[in-house]
């Protein structure tokens, strides 16, 4: 048994390392042309009724579709959760390994900014004012990411082509993980339900190092930068500028003024492990579970289904309540509502979820929901295991 475990560990490690380099090479050197998939353009009664009911909710209650006072409070809270610990490191009260405590808090602050502030900003849901949305979206850049890439990967690709292999990059982990039955199975995937969790913690580390650079090159080759009204040169200049700024303030300055370089480097990774794991699992529990579909385009390269119905079939809610957990993760436990109405601020998801669920039941459209976050994690685990076996 011990020998089996050692062999499994070595096999997984080898394939993970190979997979990382394979992904980088594949995305940098394989030039692919973006070919959009068309959905059924007819509008079923379900969609008409749903839109009407949601619009009526805002009109009858005289509520803005954008942020409110509670959203502004939350934004300030998340920013303080990150920057107060950062500031406390420069006080005489913290030294040595105690620096790891503020770094850990910054990990939760980083996740909070990503889920509750920049997410709405980059969806143009935070405010009617484009400038406010833009500045809110810069929250990602302050955490080491790049808002331009995020809008293309998330808004343009993931939200449009949810769970479609080859289109939705969020279900593409290369050869390291197998999320869809439409992806080729490798021998090491039979262990993915065990090793995947460590990789999830590396999500934001990947963003701030190789992924953003790879994506700018890739989106240029795919001619997708035009969708953001930016040239390739400007996109690269902005990317390098933000990265230099980020590493200066987050790592170079603390080490220069406070010393203890290895403690701060360890804290930096701790922060990213916490944020990366948090951000990864929130997404994965909403799409990569054994209840959702992973559709394949037909012979013409299209999906013969209405886009709204497609979103309901490929998305799952979890822990649907007005809990602190829901508040902290930016209402993204209501992923169905978010995917159907991404330009609505997340503070309204709880209320409109009742409308969406009722309408879906009336028209016999699926509405996937797990009662708790833990149950959603279990369904993700089951899906990983199923995909590893080759289903």
Protein backbone atom coordinates (compact mmCIF):
# COMPACT_ATOMS: atom_id res chain seq x y z
CA UNK A 1 0.00 0.00 0.00
CA UNK A 2 2.83 2.37 0.93
CA UNK A 3 4.60 1.54 -2.33
CA UNK A 4 1.42 2.29 -4.28
CA UNK A 5 1.08 5.69 -2.60
CA UNK A 6 4.71 6.58 -3.38
CA UNK A 7 4.30 5.58 -7.02
CA UNK A 8 1.03 7.51 -7.29
CA UNK A 9 2.67 10.59 -5.76
CA UNK A 10 5.63 10.45 -8.18
CA UNK A 11 3.33 9.90 -11.16
CA UNK A 12 1.09 12.83 -10.23
CA UNK A 13 4.05 15.14 -9.57
CA UNK A 14 5.65 14.27 -12.90
CA UNK A 15 2.46 14.91 -14.88
CA UNK A 16 1.65 18.13 -13.03
CA UNK A 17 5.09 19.59 -13.83
CA UNK A 18 4.89 18.43 -17.46
CA UNK A 19 1.33 19.76 -17.66
CA UNK A 20 2.31 23.24 -16.50
CA UNK A 21 5.01 23.59 -19.18
CA UNK A 22 2.75 22.00 -21.79
CA UNK A 23 0.00 24.53 -21.08
CA UNK A 24 2.41 27.45 -21.38
CA UNK A 25 3.81 26.21 -24.70
CA UNK A 26 0.37 25.36 -26.08
CA UNK A 27 -1.08 28.78 -25.32
CA UNK A 28 1.97 30.74 -26.47
CA UNK A 29 2.84 29.01 -29.72
CA UNK A 30 -0.41 27.54 -31.03
CA UNK A 31 -2.14 30.28 -33.01
CA UNK A 32 -5.88 29.76 -32.92
CA UNK A 33 -8.57 31.80 -34.61
CA UNK A 34 -11.62 32.69 -32.58
CA UNK A 35 -14.75 31.18 -34.12
CA UNK A 36 -17.89 32.17 -32.21
CA UNK A 37 -20.58 29.59 -31.55
CA UNK A 38 -24.17 30.53 -32.33
CA UNK A 39 -27.04 29.66 -30.00
CA UNK A 40 -30.68 29.21 -30.98
CA UNK A 41 -31.88 32.77 -31.57
CA UNK A 42 -35.56 32.07 -30.90
CA UNK A 43 -36.93 33.49 -27.65
CA UNK A 44 -39.02 30.94 -25.72
CA UNK A 45 -41.83 32.05 -23.41
CA UNK A 46 -39.66 31.22 -20.41
CA UNK A 47 -37.16 33.93 -21.36
CA UNK A 48 -39.83 36.53 -22.12
CA UNK A 49 -41.63 35.95 -18.83
CA UNK A 50 -38.41 35.86 -16.81
CA UNK A 51 -37.13 39.16 -18.23
CA UNK A 52 -40.49 40.80 -17.67
CA UNK A 53 -40.73 39.64 -14.05
CA UNK A 54 -37.19 40.69 -13.16
CA UNK A 55 -37.64 44.10 -14.79
CA UNK A 56 -40.95 44.52 -12.94
CA UNK A 57 -39.24 43.73 -9.63
CA UNK A 58 -36.89 46.70 -9.98
CA UNK A 59 -39.58 49.00 -11.33
CA UNK A 60 -42.23 48.17 -8.72
CA UNK A 61 -39.80 48.36 -5.81
CA UNK A 62 -38.11 51.47 -7.22
CA UNK A 63 -34.72 49.83 -6.78
CA UNK A 64 -31.63 50.52 -8.88
CA UNK A 65 -30.09 47.53 -10.66
CA UNK A 66 -26.69 48.77 -9.52
CA UNK A 67 -25.00 49.13 -6.12
CA UNK A 68 -26.57 50.56 -2.97
CA UNK A 69 -25.37 51.69 0.45
CA UNK A 70 -24.66 48.15 1.63
CA UNK A 71 -22.52 47.53 -1.45
CA UNK A 72 -20.46 50.66 -0.80
CA UNK A 73 -19.99 49.61 2.84
CA UNK A 74 -18.88 46.16 1.71
CA UNK A 75 -16.40 47.62 -0.78
CA UNK A 76 -14.81 49.76 1.93
CA UNK A 77 -14.75 46.78 4.32
CA UNK A 78 -12.97 44.53 1.79
CA UNK A 79 -10.39 47.17 0.94
CA UNK A 80 -9.71 47.75 4.64
CA UNK A 81 -9.48 43.99 5.25
CA UNK A 82 -6.57 44.00 2.83
CA UNK A 83 -4.86 47.33 3.46
CA UNK A 84 -5.13 47.61 7.27
CA UNK A 85 -3.08 44.40 7.78
CA UNK A 86 -0.68 45.66 5.10
CA UNK A 87 -0.27 48.95 7.00
CA UNK A 88 0.08 47.22 10.38
CA UNK A 89 3.21 45.48 9.14
CA UNK A 90 4.97 48.86 9.22
CA UNK A 91 4.18 49.44 12.90
CA UNK A 92 6.58 48.45 15.74
CA UNK A 93 4.01 45.99 17.15
CA UNK A 94 4.71 43.24 14.61
CA UNK A 95 8.02 41.53 13.88
CA UNK A 96 9.51 38.21 12.83
CA UNK A 97 7.11 35.37 12.10
CA UNK A 98 4.22 37.47 13.44
CA UNK A 99 4.23 39.12 9.99
CA UNK A 100 2.47 35.99 8.70
CA UNK A 101 -0.73 36.96 10.54
CA UNK A 102 -1.37 40.17 8.54
CA UNK A 103 -0.39 38.32 5.35
CA UNK A 104 -3.08 35.71 6.10
CA UNK A 105 -5.72 38.40 6.66
CA UNK A 106 -4.65 39.98 3.38
CA UNK A 107 -5.44 36.67 1.69
CA UNK A 108 -9.07 36.94 2.80
CA UNK A 109 -9.10 40.63 1.86
CA UNK A 110 -7.76 39.78 -1.57
CA UNK A 111 -10.50 37.19 -2.10
CA UNK A 112 -13.12 39.67 -0.85
CA UNK A 113 -11.98 42.40 -3.24
CA UNK A 114 -12.00 39.93 -6.11
CA UNK A 115 -15.44 38.51 -5.36
CA UNK A 116 -17.25 41.58 -4.07
CA UNK A 117 -15.69 44.67 -5.68
CA UNK A 118 -13.78 44.13 -8.91
CA UNK A 119 -16.22 41.47 -10.12
CA UNK A 120 -19.17 43.86 -10.22
CA UNK A 121 -16.98 46.65 -11.60
CA UNK A 122 -15.72 44.60 -14.54
CA UNK A 123 -19.29 43.49 -15.29
CA UNK A 124 -20.38 47.16 -15.37
CA UNK A 125 -22.82 46.24 -12.61
CA UNK A 126 -21.38 48.36 -9.81
CA UNK A 127 -22.66 51.70 -11.12
CA UNK A 128 -24.30 53.47 -14.04
CA UNK A 129 -21.14 55.57 -14.17
CA UNK A 130 -18.54 53.85 -16.44
CA UNK A 131 -15.69 55.56 -14.58
CA UNK A 132 -16.77 54.07 -11.23
CA UNK A 133 -17.01 50.64 -12.85
CA UNK A 134 -13.54 51.08 -14.32
CA UNK A 135 -11.99 52.05 -10.98
CA UNK A 136 -13.81 49.19 -9.23
CA UNK A 137 -12.45 46.83 -11.87
CA UNK A 138 -8.92 48.03 -11.12
CA UNK A 139 -9.30 46.20 -7.81
CA UNK A 140 -8.08 43.13 -9.71
CA UNK A 141 -4.92 44.93 -10.83
CA UNK A 142 -4.20 45.99 -7.25
CA UNK A 143 -4.28 42.28 -6.35
CA UNK A 144 -1.78 41.41 -9.10
CA UNK A 145 -4.17 40.48 -11.94
CA UNK A 146 -5.04 42.30 -15.16
CA UNK A 147 -8.57 43.58 -15.76
CA UNK A 148 -8.27 43.46 -19.56
CA UNK A 149 -7.60 39.72 -19.63
CA UNK A 150 -10.29 39.08 -17.05
CA UNK A 151 -12.97 40.85 -19.09
CA UNK A 152 -12.11 38.78 -22.17
CA UNK A 153 -11.78 35.43 -20.39
CA UNK A 154 -14.69 35.92 -18.01
CA UNK A 155 -17.21 38.23 -19.68
CA UNK A 156 -16.66 37.39 -23.34
CA UNK A 157 -15.75 33.69 -23.18
CA UNK A 158 -16.93 32.14 -19.91
CA UNK A 159 -20.26 33.96 -19.65
CA UNK A 160 -21.12 33.42 -23.31
CA UNK A 161 -19.90 29.85 -23.80
CA UNK A 162 -20.26 28.43 -20.30
CA UNK A 163 -18.85 24.89 -19.90
CA UNK A 164 -18.18 24.48 -23.63
CA UNK A 165 -14.78 22.87 -24.08
CA UNK A 166 -12.49 24.90 -26.34
CA UNK A 167 -14.45 28.11 -25.75
CA UNK A 168 -14.78 28.52 -21.99
CA UNK A 169 -11.22 28.82 -20.64
CA UNK A 170 -12.48 28.29 -17.10
CA UNK A 171 -13.01 24.60 -17.86
CA UNK A 172 -9.63 24.25 -19.58
CA UNK A 173 -6.85 23.10 -17.25
CA UNK A 174 -4.80 21.61 -20.08
CA UNK A 175 -3.54 18.10 -19.39
CA UNK A 176 -3.28 18.66 -15.64
CA UNK A 177 -6.99 18.28 -14.86
CA UNK A 178 -9.96 16.90 -16.76
CA UNK A 179 -13.15 18.84 -16.11
CA UNK A 180 -15.28 17.76 -19.08
CA UNK A 181 -16.09 14.43 -20.72
CA UNK A 182 -15.29 16.20 -24.01
CA UNK A 183 -11.63 16.41 -22.94
CA UNK A 184 -9.10 13.64 -23.47
CA UNK A 185 -8.44 11.50 -20.43
CA UNK A 186 -4.85 10.89 -19.28
CA UNK A 187 -3.62 8.19 -16.90
CA UNK A 188 -2.85 10.64 -14.09
CA UNK A 189 -6.42 11.97 -14.09
CA UNK A 190 -7.47 8.98 -12.00
CA UNK A 191 -5.77 10.76 -9.07
CA UNK A 192 -7.09 14.25 -9.83
CA UNK A 193 -9.72 14.18 -7.10
CA UNK A 194 -6.77 13.99 -4.67
CA UNK A 195 -4.21 16.42 -6.08
CA UNK A 196 -6.54 19.05 -7.61
CA UNK A 197 -7.06 20.83 -4.29
CA UNK A 198 -3.41 21.84 -4.03
CA UNK A 199 -3.49 23.21 -7.57
CA UNK A 200 -6.54 25.34 -6.76
CA UNK A 201 -4.47 27.23 -4.19
CA UNK A 202 -2.05 28.18 -6.99
CA UNK A 203 -4.71 30.02 -9.03
CA UNK A 204 -3.71 33.59 -8.23
CA UNK A 205 0.02 32.74 -8.31
CA UNK A 206 -0.58 31.66 -11.91
CA UNK A 207 -2.35 34.98 -12.66
CA UNK A 208 0.41 37.21 -11.39
CA UNK A 209 3.25 35.30 -13.05
CA UNK A 210 2.74 33.55 -16.38
CA UNK A 211 -0.99 33.53 -17.15
CA UNK A 212 -1.57 37.24 -17.76
CA UNK A 213 1.36 37.45 -20.17
CA UNK A 214 0.29 34.30 -22.01
CA UNK A 215 -3.28 35.56 -22.33
CA UNK A 216 -2.36 38.95 -23.80
CA UNK A 217 -0.35 37.20 -26.52
CA UNK A 218 -3.10 34.65 -27.07
CA UNK A 219 -5.94 37.18 -27.23
CA UNK A 220 -3.91 39.25 -29.68
CA UNK A 221 -3.54 36.20 -31.95
CA UNK A 222 -7.26 35.47 -31.57
CA UNK A 223 -8.04 39.11 -32.48
CA UNK A 224 -10.00 39.55 -29.24
CA UNK A 225 -8.17 42.66 -27.98
CA UNK A 226 -10.31 44.67 -30.40
CA UNK A 227 -13.35 43.85 -28.28
CA UNK A 228 -11.75 45.98 -25.54
CA UNK A 229 -10.77 48.82 -27.92
CA UNK A 230 -7.07 48.46 -27.21
CA UNK A 231 -3.98 47.79 -29.32
CA UNK A 232 -1.56 44.96 -28.64
CA UNK A 233 1.23 47.40 -27.77
CA UNK A 234 -0.92 49.34 -25.31
CA UNK A 235 -2.18 46.11 -23.72
CA UNK A 236 1.40 44.95 -23.12
CA UNK A 237 2.50 48.35 -21.80
CA UNK A 238 -0.40 48.47 -19.35
CA UNK A 239 0.27 44.90 -18.26
CA UNK A 240 3.96 45.49 -17.52
CA UNK A 241 3.17 48.77 -15.73
CA UNK A 242 0.61 47.15 -13.42
CA UNK A 243 2.88 44.17 -12.69
CA UNK A 244 5.83 46.42 -11.77
CA UNK A 245 3.58 48.53 -9.53
CA UNK A 246 2.13 45.43 -7.87
CA UNK A 247 5.41 43.70 -7.05
CA UNK A 248 6.94 46.97 -5.84
CA UNK A 249 4.24 47.75 -3.29
CA UNK A 250 3.34 44.20 -2.26
CA UNK A 251 6.79 42.65 -1.91
CA UNK A 252 9.77 44.94 -2.62
CA UNK A 253 8.76 47.78 -0.28
CA UNK A 254 7.94 45.53 2.74
CA UNK A 255 11.23 43.67 2.36
CA UNK A 256 13.24 46.89 1.87
CA UNK A 257 11.80 48.67 4.91
CA UNK A 258 11.06 45.74 7.23
CA UNK A 259 13.72 43.17 6.43
CA UNK A 260 12.87 39.50 7.09
CA UNK A 261 12.76 38.73 3.34
CA UNK A 262 11.96 35.02 3.70
CA UNK A 263 9.15 35.71 6.15
CA UNK A 264 7.56 38.19 3.74
CA UNK A 265 8.04 35.92 0.75
CA UNK A 266 6.41 33.11 2.75
CA UNK A 267 3.60 35.48 3.75
CA UNK A 268 3.14 36.53 0.14
CA UNK A 269 2.63 32.90 -0.90
CA UNK A 270 0.36 32.28 2.10
CA UNK A 271 -1.82 35.22 1.03
CA UNK A 272 -2.09 33.86 -2.50
CA UNK A 273 -2.77 30.29 -1.35
CA UNK A 274 -5.70 31.49 0.77
CA UNK A 275 -7.13 33.75 -1.94
CA UNK A 276 -6.47 31.25 -4.74
CA UNK A 277 -8.19 28.37 -2.99
CA UNK A 278 -11.15 30.56 -2.04
CA UNK A 279 -11.61 31.98 -5.55
CA UNK A 280 -11.16 28.59 -7.25
CA UNK A 281 -13.63 26.65 -5.16
CA UNK A 282 -16.34 29.32 -5.45
CA UNK A 283 -16.21 29.06 -9.25
CA UNK A 284 -15.80 25.29 -9.39
CA UNK A 285 -18.82 24.65 -7.17
CA UNK A 286 -20.93 26.72 -9.56
CA UNK A 287 -20.03 24.96 -12.80
CA UNK A 288 -17.75 21.94 -12.40
CA UNK A 289 -20.12 19.62 -10.54
CA UNK A 290 -21.85 16.37 -11.47
CA UNK A 291 -25.22 18.14 -11.85
CA UNK A 292 -24.30 20.55 -14.66
CA UNK A 293 -24.01 19.93 -18.40
CA UNK A 294 -20.92 20.22 -20.60
CA UNK A 295 -22.53 20.58 -24.04
CA UNK A 296 -20.78 20.00 -27.34
CA UNK A 297 -21.56 22.02 -30.49
CA UNK A 298 -23.24 20.13 -33.35
CA UNK A 299 -21.67 19.43 -36.75
CA UNK A 300 -22.24 23.03 -37.81
CA UNK A 301 -20.37 24.29 -34.75
CA UNK A 302 -23.47 25.65 -33.04
CA UNK A 303 -25.62 24.96 -29.98
CA UNK A 304 -29.27 24.32 -30.81
CA UNK A 305 -30.53 25.75 -27.56
CA UNK A 306 -31.47 29.18 -26.28
CA UNK A 307 -28.63 30.93 -24.44
CA UNK A 308 -30.71 31.46 -21.26
CA UNK A 309 -31.58 27.77 -21.07
CA UNK A 310 -27.93 26.92 -21.70
CA UNK A 311 -26.92 29.03 -18.68
CA UNK A 312 -29.37 27.21 -16.42
CA UNK A 313 -28.15 23.81 -17.59
CA UNK A 314 -24.47 24.63 -17.04
CA UNK A 315 -24.67 26.52 -13.74
CA UNK A 316 -25.51 25.58 -10.15
CA UNK A 317 -26.29 27.66 -7.08
CA UNK A 318 -25.26 26.74 -3.55
CA UNK A 319 -25.96 27.89 0.00
CA UNK A 320 -28.80 30.19 -1.08
CA UNK A 321 -29.36 32.36 1.95
CA UNK A 322 -28.56 35.83 3.27
CA UNK A 323 -25.65 34.53 5.32
CA UNK A 324 -22.30 36.16 6.06
CA UNK A 325 -20.77 33.63 3.67
CA UNK A 326 -23.02 34.84 0.84
CA UNK A 327 -22.24 38.46 1.76
CA UNK A 328 -18.49 37.84 1.78
CA UNK A 329 -18.31 36.02 -1.57
CA UNK A 330 -20.21 38.71 -3.42
CA UNK A 331 -23.45 36.76 -3.81
CA UNK A 332 -21.71 34.34 -6.16
CA UNK A 333 -23.48 31.45 -4.50
CA UNK A 334 -26.31 32.76 -6.72
CA UNK A 335 -24.42 31.92 -9.91
CA UNK A 336 -27.57 31.22 -11.91
CA UNK A 337 -28.88 34.72 -11.34
CA UNK A 338 -25.45 36.16 -12.03
CA UNK A 339 -25.14 34.33 -15.35
CA UNK A 340 -28.61 35.29 -16.49
CA UNK A 341 -28.26 38.94 -15.44
CA UNK A 342 -24.52 39.77 -15.16
CA UNK A 343 -25.11 43.53 -15.39
CA UNK A 344 -27.20 43.49 -12.17
CA UNK A 345 -25.24 44.17 -8.97
CA UNK A 346 -24.89 41.09 -6.78
CA UNK A 347 -26.68 42.70 -3.80
CA UNK A 348 -29.96 41.95 -5.63
CA UNK A 349 -29.35 38.27 -6.42
CA UNK A 350 -31.04 36.90 -3.31
CA UNK A 351 -34.31 38.68 -4.10
CA UNK A 352 -34.43 37.95 -7.82
CA UNK A 353 -33.45 34.30 -7.23
CA UNK A 354 -37.00 33.65 -6.01
CA UNK A 355 -38.32 34.97 -9.33
CA UNK A 356 -35.85 32.93 -11.39
CA UNK A 357 -36.51 29.69 -9.50
CA UNK A 358 -40.30 30.08 -9.66
CA UNK A 359 -40.24 30.84 -13.40
CA UNK A 360 -37.87 27.93 -14.13
CA UNK A 361 -40.18 25.53 -12.28
CA UNK A 362 -43.21 26.84 -14.18
CA UNK A 363 -41.57 26.21 -17.55
CA UNK A 364 -39.83 22.97 -16.57
CA UNK A 365 -36.36 24.43 -17.00
CA UNK A 366 -33.60 23.03 -14.71
CA UNK A 367 -32.59 25.05 -11.66
CA UNK A 368 -29.60 23.35 -10.03
CA UNK A 369 -28.97 24.24 -6.39
CA UNK A 370 -27.01 22.67 -3.53
CA UNK A 371 -28.21 23.42 -0.02
CA UNK A 372 -24.75 24.15 1.41
CA UNK A 373 -21.26 25.01 0.19
CA UNK A 374 -20.04 21.72 1.64
CA UNK A 375 -22.54 19.74 -0.41
CA UNK A 376 -21.42 21.67 -3.51
CA UNK A 377 -17.80 20.74 -2.76
CA UNK A 378 -18.87 17.08 -2.49
CA UNK A 379 -20.52 17.28 -5.91
CA UNK A 380 -17.35 18.82 -7.34
CA UNK A 381 -15.28 16.02 -5.79
CA UNK A 382 -17.63 13.42 -7.31
CA UNK A 383 -17.29 15.08 -10.71
CA UNK A 384 -13.48 15.08 -10.51
CA UNK A 385 -13.51 11.39 -9.62
CA UNK A 386 -15.96 10.60 -12.42
CA UNK A 387 -13.87 12.47 -15.01
CA UNK A 388 -10.74 10.73 -13.74
CA UNK A 389 -12.32 7.33 -14.39
CA UNK A 390 -13.02 8.25 -17.99
CA UNK A 391 -16.77 8.92 -18.15
